[in-house]
Amino acid sequence: QVQLVESGGGLVQAGGSLRLSCAASGSIFSGNVMSWYRQAPGKQRELVAGITSGGYTNYADSAKGRFTISRDKGKNTVYLRVNSLKPEDTAVYYCAVTQGGATYWGQGTQVTVSS
């Protein structure tokens, strides 16, 4: 089993920045992919960015330029840095780990951007 705990969300003014963290514990395999998703009110959950254990990253088109994903392999932790926050970034942000054909989810952390 894998446990994921996100942190770093909160209320931020538009134009501000924040960094989300997600710590993974349990049976973590090498060769996994760690990702961030978000779900805004009334919308489907969507991929924001992902990063492989080798450091390869991919971003949703909407995330390119303002979002940066990174990971600390030694700590099994993934981060999401968001700059120039917009009200439309308001969502619950979820961390996910995909390994061995399964995806594990964190409980989510709320990010609210005020205009």
Protein backbone atom coordinates (compact mmCIF):
# COMPACT_ATOMS: atom_id res chain seq x y z
CA GLN A 1 0.00 0.00 0.00
CA VAL A 2 0.95 3.58 -0.63
CA GLN A 3 -0.01 6.57 1.45
CA LEU A 4 0.12 10.11 0.14
CA VAL A 5 -0.16 13.25 2.21
CA GLU A 6 -0.47 16.64 0.53
CA SER A 7 0.23 19.98 2.16
CA GLY A 8 0.74 23.59 1.23
CA GLY A 9 -2.70 24.62 0.08
CA GLY A 10 -4.63 27.59 1.38
CA LEU A 11 -6.05 30.97 0.49
CA VAL A 12 -3.85 33.06 -1.77
CA GLN A 13 -4.36 36.35 -3.54
CA ALA A 14 -4.29 36.46 -7.29
CA GLY A 15 -0.76 36.99 -8.55
CA GLY A 16 0.74 35.17 -5.61
CA SER A 17 2.64 31.91 -5.50
CA LEU A 18 2.58 28.75 -3.51
CA ARG A 19 4.26 25.38 -3.33
CA LEU A 20 2.36 22.18 -2.75
CA SER A 21 4.10 19.16 -1.30
CA CYS A 22 3.15 15.51 -1.33
CA ALA A 23 4.96 12.94 0.75
CA ALA A 24 4.61 9.30 -0.24
CA SER A 25 5.18 6.41 2.12
CA GLY A 26 4.65 2.68 2.13
CA SER A 27 5.55 0.37 -0.75
CA ILE A 28 7.15 2.82 -3.15
CA PHE A 29 8.66 1.23 -6.24
CA SER A 30 11.36 2.65 -8.44
CA GLY A 31 10.22 3.63 -11.90
CA ASN A 32 7.00 5.23 -10.72
CA VAL A 33 5.32 8.40 -11.90
CA MET A 34 4.24 11.07 -9.45
CA SER A 35 1.60 13.52 -10.61
CA TRP A 36 -0.56 16.43 -9.58
CA TYR A 37 -4.20 16.67 -10.57
CA ARG A 38 -6.80 19.26 -9.70
CA GLN A 39 -10.55 19.38 -9.54
CA ALA A 40 -12.39 22.67 -9.62
CA PRO A 41 -15.99 22.95 -8.37
CA GLY A 42 -18.37 21.38 -10.83
CA LYS A 43 -15.59 20.14 -13.10
CA GLN A 44 -13.83 16.87 -13.71
CA ARG A 45 -10.48 16.09 -12.21
CA GLU A 46 -7.70 16.99 -14.63
CA LEU A 47 -4.01 16.31 -14.87
CA VAL A 48 -1.78 19.28 -14.09
CA ALA A 49 1.70 17.76 -14.34
CA GLY A 50 3.61 14.53 -13.91
CA ILE A 51 7.21 13.54 -13.29
CA THR A 52 8.93 10.20 -13.69
CA SER A 53 11.52 8.78 -11.35
CA GLY A 54 14.10 9.78 -13.94
CA GLY A 55 12.96 13.39 -13.81
CA TYR A 56 11.07 13.55 -17.10
CA THR A 57 8.18 15.98 -16.79
CA ASN A 58 4.98 16.64 -18.68
CA TYR A 59 2.45 19.39 -18.24
CA ALA A 60 -1.09 20.05 -19.27
CA ASP A 61 -1.26 22.86 -21.79
CA SER A 62 -3.03 25.01 -19.21
CA ALA A 63 -0.15 24.48 -16.76
CA LYS A 64 2.78 25.31 -19.01
CA GLY A 65 4.65 28.41 -17.95
CA ARG A 66 3.27 28.92 -14.43
CA PHE A 67 3.50 25.46 -12.90
CA THR A 68 6.67 23.57 -12.05
CA ILE A 69 6.72 19.99 -10.83
CA SER A 70 9.75 18.53 -9.11
CA ARG A 71 10.56 15.61 -6.87
CA ASP A 72 12.98 14.59 -4.17
CA LYS A 73 13.61 10.92 -4.79
CA GLY A 74 15.35 10.43 -1.48
CA LYS A 75 12.27 11.68 0.37
CA ASN A 76 9.65 10.22 -2.01
CA THR A 77 8.21 13.71 -2.16
CA VAL A 78 6.80 15.58 -5.11
CA TYR A 79 6.28 19.32 -5.27
CA LEU A 80 4.19 21.65 -7.38
CA ARG A 81 5.23 25.27 -7.58
CA VAL A 82 2.59 27.63 -8.93
CA ASN A 83 3.34 31.23 -9.83
CA SER A 84 1.06 34.09 -10.86
CA LEU A 85 -1.98 32.40 -9.40
CA LYS A 86 -5.35 33.13 -10.98
CA PRO A 87 -8.85 32.73 -9.55
CA GLU A 88 -9.41 29.94 -12.07
CA ASP A 89 -6.65 27.96 -10.35
CA THR A 90 -9.01 27.51 -7.41
CA ALA A 91 -9.44 23.77 -6.96
CA VAL A 92 -8.66 20.80 -4.81
CA TYR A 93 -5.20 19.61 -5.80
CA TYR A 94 -4.51 15.90 -5.60
CA CYS A 95 -1.24 14.03 -5.61
CA ALA A 96 -1.05 10.64 -7.30
CA VAL A 97 1.52 7.89 -7.65
CA THR A 98 1.30 5.39 -10.49
CA GLN A 99 3.30 2.19 -10.18
CA GLY A 100 2.84 -1.45 -10.95
CA GLY A 101 -0.30 -0.76 -12.93
CA ALA A 102 -2.06 0.95 -10.02
CA THR A 103 -2.65 4.59 -9.11
CA TYR A 104 -2.79 5.78 -5.55
CA TRP A 105 -4.33 9.11 -4.50
CA GLY A 106 -3.87 11.55 -1.70
CA GLN A 107 -6.76 13.18 0.10
CA GLY A 108 -6.28 16.49 -1.66
CA THR A 109 -5.43 19.99 -0.55
CA GLN A 110 -7.63 23.01 -1.23
CA VAL A 111 -6.21 25.99 -3.07
CA THR A 112 -8.37 29.09 -3.19
CA VAL A 113 -7.27 32.12 -5.15
CA SER A 114 -9.00 35.38 -4.36
CA SER A 115 -9.27 38.16 -6.91
